[in-house]
């Protein structure tokens, strides 16, 4: 049975947002070493990835992503944002564990796939 999960979007005091997709992009850039490779890995366009990187960098005092001499790196600030985001997720998930289980019990199960029913 699929589980109910918590998804967090941080609404920053400067009007910007950092949520699961931007964190996934930062992590993919860290793993793949470039915005283009990260975008391919995540199935998003390079343009969307580049704009997201710009939004993240514009939201922070110091950049989360730097592109020195053609390579793309997640800066210490970027790594700190990733770690803080996951810490917030874990704290919220732990605090809401019982409530998430209750919501899951109240949720209707997804109907079976039409292709599977036809057999």
N, C-alpha and C. Protein backbone atom coordinates (compact mmCIF):
# COMPACT_ATOMS: atom_id res chain seq x y z
N UNK A 1 0.84 -1.17 0.00
CA UNK A 1 0.00 0.00 0.00
C UNK A 1 0.89 1.24 0.00
N UNK A 2 0.63 2.19 -0.91
CA UNK A 2 1.44 3.41 -0.93
C UNK A 2 1.28 4.17 0.38
N UNK A 3 2.33 4.81 0.79
CA UNK A 3 2.29 5.53 2.06
C UNK A 3 1.96 7.01 1.85
N UNK A 4 1.48 7.63 2.87
CA UNK A 4 1.25 9.07 2.87
C UNK A 4 2.56 9.71 3.30
N UNK A 5 2.95 10.74 2.61
CA UNK A 5 4.21 11.37 2.96
C UNK A 5 4.05 12.88 3.06
N UNK A 6 5.01 13.49 3.64
CA UNK A 6 5.01 14.92 3.88
C UNK A 6 5.93 15.59 2.86
N UNK A 7 5.44 16.62 2.22
CA UNK A 7 6.23 17.40 1.26
C UNK A 7 6.27 18.83 1.78
N UNK A 8 7.46 19.37 1.89
CA UNK A 8 7.61 20.69 2.49
C UNK A 8 8.15 21.68 1.47
N UNK A 9 7.52 22.83 1.42
CA UNK A 9 8.00 23.95 0.62
C UNK A 9 8.28 25.10 1.58
N UNK A 10 9.50 25.57 1.56
CA UNK A 10 9.88 26.68 2.42
C UNK A 10 9.58 28.00 1.71
N UNK A 11 8.72 28.79 2.30
CA UNK A 11 8.40 30.13 1.80
C UNK A 11 9.36 31.08 2.51
N UNK A 12 10.34 31.57 1.80
CA UNK A 12 11.37 32.40 2.42
C UNK A 12 10.87 33.83 2.63
N UNK A 13 11.49 34.53 3.58
CA UNK A 13 11.04 35.88 3.91
C UNK A 13 11.26 36.88 2.78
N UNK A 14 12.03 36.51 1.75
CA UNK A 14 12.23 37.41 0.61
C UNK A 14 11.29 37.08 -0.55
N UNK A 15 10.32 36.18 -0.31
CA UNK A 15 9.34 35.85 -1.33
C UNK A 15 9.69 34.65 -2.19
N UNK A 16 10.90 34.16 -2.07
CA UNK A 16 11.32 32.98 -2.84
C UNK A 16 10.88 31.71 -2.13
N UNK A 17 10.95 30.61 -2.87
CA UNK A 17 10.58 29.30 -2.33
C UNK A 17 11.68 28.28 -2.61
N UNK A 18 11.83 27.38 -1.65
CA UNK A 18 12.71 26.22 -1.84
C UNK A 18 11.91 25.01 -1.39
N UNK A 19 11.72 24.09 -2.32
CA UNK A 19 10.94 22.90 -2.04
C UNK A 19 11.63 21.66 -2.55
N UNK A 20 10.91 20.56 -2.61
CA UNK A 20 11.52 19.28 -2.97
C UNK A 20 12.18 19.26 -4.35
N UNK A 21 11.62 19.96 -5.32
CA UNK A 21 12.21 19.91 -6.66
C UNK A 21 13.53 20.68 -6.71
N UNK A 22 13.63 21.80 -6.01
CA UNK A 22 14.89 22.55 -6.01
C UNK A 22 15.96 21.81 -5.20
N UNK A 23 15.56 21.17 -4.14
CA UNK A 23 16.52 20.38 -3.36
C UNK A 23 17.00 19.19 -4.20
N UNK A 24 16.08 18.54 -4.90
CA UNK A 24 16.46 17.42 -5.78
C UNK A 24 17.43 17.90 -6.86
N UNK A 25 17.19 19.10 -7.39
CA UNK A 25 18.10 19.65 -8.39
C UNK A 25 19.48 19.90 -7.80
N UNK A 26 19.54 20.51 -6.62
CA UNK A 26 20.84 20.72 -5.98
C UNK A 26 21.57 19.39 -5.77
N UNK A 27 20.85 18.39 -5.31
CA UNK A 27 21.47 17.07 -5.07
C UNK A 27 21.92 16.43 -6.38
N UNK A 28 21.13 16.59 -7.43
CA UNK A 28 21.51 16.01 -8.72
C UNK A 28 22.73 16.72 -9.30
N UNK A 29 22.80 18.03 -9.14
CA UNK A 29 23.99 18.77 -9.59
C UNK A 29 25.21 18.31 -8.82
N UNK A 30 25.04 18.11 -7.53
CA UNK A 30 26.15 17.63 -6.70
C UNK A 30 26.62 16.26 -7.18
N UNK A 31 25.69 15.38 -7.53
CA UNK A 31 26.03 14.02 -7.95
C UNK A 31 26.56 13.97 -9.38
N UNK A 32 25.99 14.78 -10.27
CA UNK A 32 26.31 14.68 -11.70
C UNK A 32 27.36 15.67 -12.17
N UNK A 33 27.56 16.76 -11.43
CA UNK A 33 28.62 17.71 -11.77
C UNK A 33 28.26 18.76 -12.80
N UNK A 34 27.03 18.77 -13.27
CA UNK A 34 26.62 19.82 -14.20
C UNK A 34 25.11 20.01 -14.15
N UNK A 35 24.69 21.20 -14.54
CA UNK A 35 23.26 21.50 -14.57
C UNK A 35 22.59 20.66 -15.65
N UNK A 36 23.23 20.54 -16.81
CA UNK A 36 22.64 19.77 -17.92
C UNK A 36 22.46 18.31 -17.54
N UNK A 37 23.47 17.70 -16.94
CA UNK A 37 23.38 16.29 -16.54
C UNK A 37 22.33 16.11 -15.44
N UNK A 38 22.26 17.06 -14.53
CA UNK A 38 21.25 16.99 -13.46
C UNK A 38 19.85 17.10 -14.05
N UNK A 39 19.68 18.01 -15.00
CA UNK A 39 18.37 18.18 -15.64
C UNK A 39 17.96 16.89 -16.35
N UNK A 40 18.87 16.30 -17.10
CA UNK A 40 18.57 15.02 -17.78
C UNK A 40 18.20 13.95 -16.77
N UNK A 41 18.96 13.86 -15.71
CA UNK A 41 18.70 12.86 -14.67
C UNK A 41 17.31 13.02 -14.06
N UNK A 42 16.89 14.27 -13.89
CA UNK A 42 15.59 14.54 -13.27
C UNK A 42 14.45 14.62 -14.28
N UNK A 43 14.78 14.54 -15.57
CA UNK A 43 13.75 14.62 -16.61
C UNK A 43 13.18 16.01 -16.78
N UNK A 44 13.99 17.02 -16.55
CA UNK A 44 13.52 18.39 -16.73
C UNK A 44 14.36 19.06 -17.81
N UNK A 45 13.85 20.13 -18.36
CA UNK A 45 14.59 20.84 -19.40
C UNK A 45 15.78 21.57 -18.77
N UNK A 46 16.80 21.77 -19.60
CA UNK A 46 17.96 22.52 -19.13
C UNK A 46 17.54 23.93 -18.73
N UNK A 47 16.65 24.54 -19.53
CA UNK A 47 16.19 25.90 -19.24
C UNK A 47 15.53 25.98 -17.87
N UNK A 48 14.65 25.03 -17.58
CA UNK A 48 13.98 25.03 -16.27
C UNK A 48 15.00 24.86 -15.14
N UNK A 49 15.96 23.95 -15.34
CA UNK A 49 16.99 23.72 -14.33
C UNK A 49 17.82 24.98 -14.12
N UNK A 50 18.21 25.62 -15.20
CA UNK A 50 19.03 26.83 -15.12
C UNK A 50 18.28 27.95 -14.39
N UNK A 51 16.99 28.10 -14.72
CA UNK A 51 16.18 29.12 -14.05
C UNK A 51 16.02 28.81 -12.56
N UNK A 52 15.87 27.54 -12.22
CA UNK A 52 15.76 27.16 -10.81
C UNK A 52 17.05 27.45 -10.06
N UNK A 53 18.17 27.17 -10.69
CA UNK A 53 19.47 27.48 -10.07
C UNK A 53 19.58 28.97 -9.83
N UNK A 54 19.17 29.76 -10.81
CA UNK A 54 19.22 31.22 -10.67
C UNK A 54 18.31 31.69 -9.53
N UNK A 55 17.12 31.10 -9.43
CA UNK A 55 16.20 31.45 -8.34
C UNK A 55 16.79 31.12 -6.98
N UNK A 56 17.41 29.94 -6.88
CA UNK A 56 18.03 29.54 -5.61
C UNK A 56 19.14 30.52 -5.26
N UNK A 57 20.03 30.79 -6.22
CA UNK A 57 21.15 31.70 -5.96
C UNK A 57 20.66 33.10 -5.61
N UNK A 58 19.61 33.58 -6.29
CA UNK A 58 19.07 34.91 -6.01
C UNK A 58 18.44 35.01 -4.62
N UNK A 59 17.97 33.89 -4.10
CA UNK A 59 17.29 33.88 -2.80
C UNK A 59 18.27 33.97 -1.63
N UNK A 60 19.52 33.61 -1.86
CA UNK A 60 20.50 33.48 -0.78
C UNK A 60 21.53 34.61 -0.81
N UNK A 61 22.13 34.88 0.34
CA UNK A 61 23.20 35.88 0.41
C UNK A 61 24.40 35.46 -0.43
N UNK A 62 24.70 34.18 -0.41
CA UNK A 62 25.82 33.63 -1.18
C UNK A 62 25.26 32.52 -2.08
N UNK A 63 25.88 32.28 -3.23
CA UNK A 63 25.33 31.29 -4.16
C UNK A 63 25.40 29.85 -3.62
N UNK A 64 24.39 29.08 -3.99
CA UNK A 64 24.35 27.65 -3.65
C UNK A 64 25.05 26.84 -4.73
N UNK A 65 25.09 27.40 -5.94
CA UNK A 65 25.72 26.76 -7.09
C UNK A 65 26.71 27.74 -7.68
N UNK A 66 27.91 27.26 -7.96
CA UNK A 66 28.93 28.09 -8.62
C UNK A 66 29.39 27.36 -9.88
N UNK A 67 29.81 28.14 -10.87
CA UNK A 67 30.26 27.56 -12.13
C UNK A 67 31.66 28.11 -12.44
N UNK A 68 32.66 27.66 -11.68
CA UNK A 68 34.02 28.12 -11.95
C UNK A 68 34.65 27.34 -13.11
N UNK A 69 35.15 28.03 -14.08
CA UNK A 69 35.84 27.41 -15.24
C UNK A 69 35.06 26.26 -15.88
N UNK A 70 33.76 26.45 -16.06
CA UNK A 70 32.97 25.47 -16.80
C UNK A 70 32.37 24.32 -16.02
N UNK A 71 32.92 24.00 -14.86
CA UNK A 71 32.34 22.92 -14.06
C UNK A 71 31.33 23.52 -13.10
N UNK A 72 30.34 22.73 -12.72
CA UNK A 72 29.31 23.22 -11.81
C UNK A 72 29.49 22.55 -10.46
N UNK A 73 29.51 23.34 -9.40
CA UNK A 73 29.69 22.79 -8.06
C UNK A 73 28.64 23.34 -7.11
N UNK A 74 28.24 22.50 -6.17
CA UNK A 74 27.38 22.94 -5.08
C UNK A 74 28.32 23.51 -4.02
N UNK A 75 28.09 24.74 -3.66
CA UNK A 75 28.95 25.43 -2.70
C UNK A 75 28.65 24.94 -1.28
N UNK A 76 29.48 25.33 -0.32
CA UNK A 76 29.16 25.01 1.08
C UNK A 76 27.78 25.53 1.50
N UNK A 77 27.39 26.70 0.99
CA UNK A 77 26.06 27.23 1.29
C UNK A 77 24.99 26.31 0.72
N UNK A 78 25.20 25.83 -0.50
CA UNK A 78 24.25 24.91 -1.12
C UNK A 78 24.13 23.62 -0.34
N UNK A 79 25.27 23.08 0.09
CA UNK A 79 25.24 21.85 0.90
C UNK A 79 24.53 22.09 2.23
N UNK A 80 24.72 23.27 2.79
CA UNK A 80 24.04 23.61 4.07
C UNK A 80 22.53 23.71 3.86
N UNK A 81 22.11 24.30 2.75
CA UNK A 81 20.68 24.39 2.44
C UNK A 81 20.08 22.99 2.31
N UNK A 82 20.77 22.11 1.60
CA UNK A 82 20.30 20.73 1.44
C UNK A 82 20.15 20.07 2.81
N UNK A 83 21.19 20.18 3.64
CA UNK A 83 21.16 19.54 4.96
C UNK A 83 20.06 20.13 5.86
N UNK A 84 19.92 21.45 5.85
CA UNK A 84 18.88 22.08 6.67
C UNK A 84 17.48 21.68 6.19
N UNK A 85 17.28 21.63 4.88
CA UNK A 85 15.98 21.24 4.33
C UNK A 85 15.63 19.83 4.79
N UNK A 86 16.57 18.90 4.67
CA UNK A 86 16.31 17.52 5.09
C UNK A 86 16.10 17.41 6.59
N UNK A 87 16.80 18.24 7.35
CA UNK A 87 16.59 18.26 8.80
C UNK A 87 15.17 18.72 9.13
N UNK A 88 14.72 19.77 8.47
CA UNK A 88 13.35 20.26 8.66
C UNK A 88 12.35 19.17 8.29
N UNK A 89 12.57 18.52 7.15
CA UNK A 89 11.69 17.42 6.73
C UNK A 89 11.61 16.33 7.79
N UNK A 90 12.77 15.91 8.28
CA UNK A 90 12.81 14.83 9.26
C UNK A 90 12.12 15.22 10.57
N UNK A 91 12.35 16.44 11.02
CA UNK A 91 11.70 16.91 12.25
C UNK A 91 10.18 16.96 12.08
N UNK A 92 9.73 17.49 10.95
CA UNK A 92 8.28 17.59 10.70
C UNK A 92 7.66 16.20 10.56
N UNK A 93 8.35 15.32 9.85
CA UNK A 93 7.85 13.96 9.67
C UNK A 93 7.73 13.24 11.02
N UNK A 94 8.72 13.40 11.86
CA UNK A 94 8.68 12.76 13.18
C UNK A 94 7.57 13.35 14.04
N UNK A 95 7.41 14.67 13.99
CA UNK A 95 6.39 15.33 14.80
C UNK A 95 4.98 14.97 14.34
N UNK A 96 4.81 14.70 13.06
CA UNK A 96 3.48 14.44 12.50
C UNK A 96 3.26 12.96 12.19
N UNK A 97 4.08 12.08 12.71
CA UNK A 97 4.00 10.66 12.37
C UNK A 97 2.60 10.07 12.60
N UNK A 98 2.07 10.27 13.78
CA UNK A 98 0.75 9.72 14.10
C UNK A 98 -0.34 10.29 13.19
N UNK A 99 -0.27 11.60 12.96
CA UNK A 99 -1.27 12.25 12.11
C UNK A 99 -1.18 11.76 10.66
N UNK A 100 0.02 11.54 10.17
CA UNK A 100 0.19 11.00 8.81
C UNK A 100 -0.38 9.59 8.70
N UNK A 101 -0.18 8.78 9.72
CA UNK A 101 -0.76 7.44 9.72
C UNK A 101 -2.29 7.50 9.72
N UNK A 102 -2.84 8.41 10.50
CA UNK A 102 -4.29 8.56 10.56
C UNK A 102 -4.85 9.02 9.22
N UNK A 103 -4.20 9.98 8.60
CA UNK A 103 -4.63 10.45 7.26
C UNK A 103 -4.58 9.28 6.27
N UNK A 104 -3.53 8.48 6.35
CA UNK A 104 -3.41 7.33 5.45
C UNK A 104 -4.58 6.36 5.64
N UNK A 105 -5.00 6.16 6.88
CA UNK A 105 -6.13 5.26 7.15
C UNK A 105 -7.44 5.83 6.63
N UNK A 106 -7.55 7.14 6.58
CA UNK A 106 -8.77 7.79 6.12
C UNK A 106 -8.82 7.95 4.59
N UNK A 107 -7.71 7.69 3.95
CA UNK A 107 -7.60 7.92 2.52
C UNK A 107 -8.11 6.72 1.72
N UNK A 108 -8.90 7.02 0.70
CA UNK A 108 -9.39 5.99 -0.21
C UNK A 108 -8.22 5.41 -1.00
N UNK A 109 -8.23 4.13 -1.19
CA UNK A 109 -7.16 3.51 -1.97
C UNK A 109 -7.32 3.87 -3.43
N UNK A 110 -6.20 3.94 -4.12
CA UNK A 110 -6.19 4.24 -5.54
C UNK A 110 -6.83 3.08 -6.29
N UNK A 111 -7.72 3.37 -7.25
CA UNK A 111 -8.34 2.28 -8.00
C UNK A 111 -7.29 1.54 -8.82
N UNK A 112 -7.52 0.27 -9.08
CA UNK A 112 -6.54 -0.48 -9.87
C UNK A 112 -6.41 0.10 -11.27
N UNK A 113 -5.26 -0.12 -11.85
CA UNK A 113 -4.98 0.35 -13.21
C UNK A 113 -5.97 -0.29 -14.18
N UNK A 114 -6.50 0.49 -15.12
CA UNK A 114 -7.50 -0.01 -16.08
C UNK A 114 -6.97 -1.20 -16.88
N UNK A 115 -5.71 -1.18 -17.24
CA UNK A 115 -5.13 -2.27 -18.03
C UNK A 115 -5.15 -3.58 -17.24
N UNK A 116 -4.92 -3.48 -15.94
CA UNK A 116 -4.90 -4.68 -15.10
C UNK A 116 -6.31 -5.24 -14.95
N UNK A 117 -7.33 -4.37 -14.90
CA UNK A 117 -8.70 -4.82 -14.76
C UNK A 117 -9.20 -5.55 -16.01
N UNK A 118 -8.69 -5.16 -17.18
CA UNK A 118 -9.17 -5.72 -18.44
C UNK A 118 -8.77 -7.19 -18.61
N UNK A 119 -7.80 -7.65 -17.89
CA UNK A 119 -7.31 -9.03 -18.05
C UNK A 119 -8.23 -10.02 -17.50
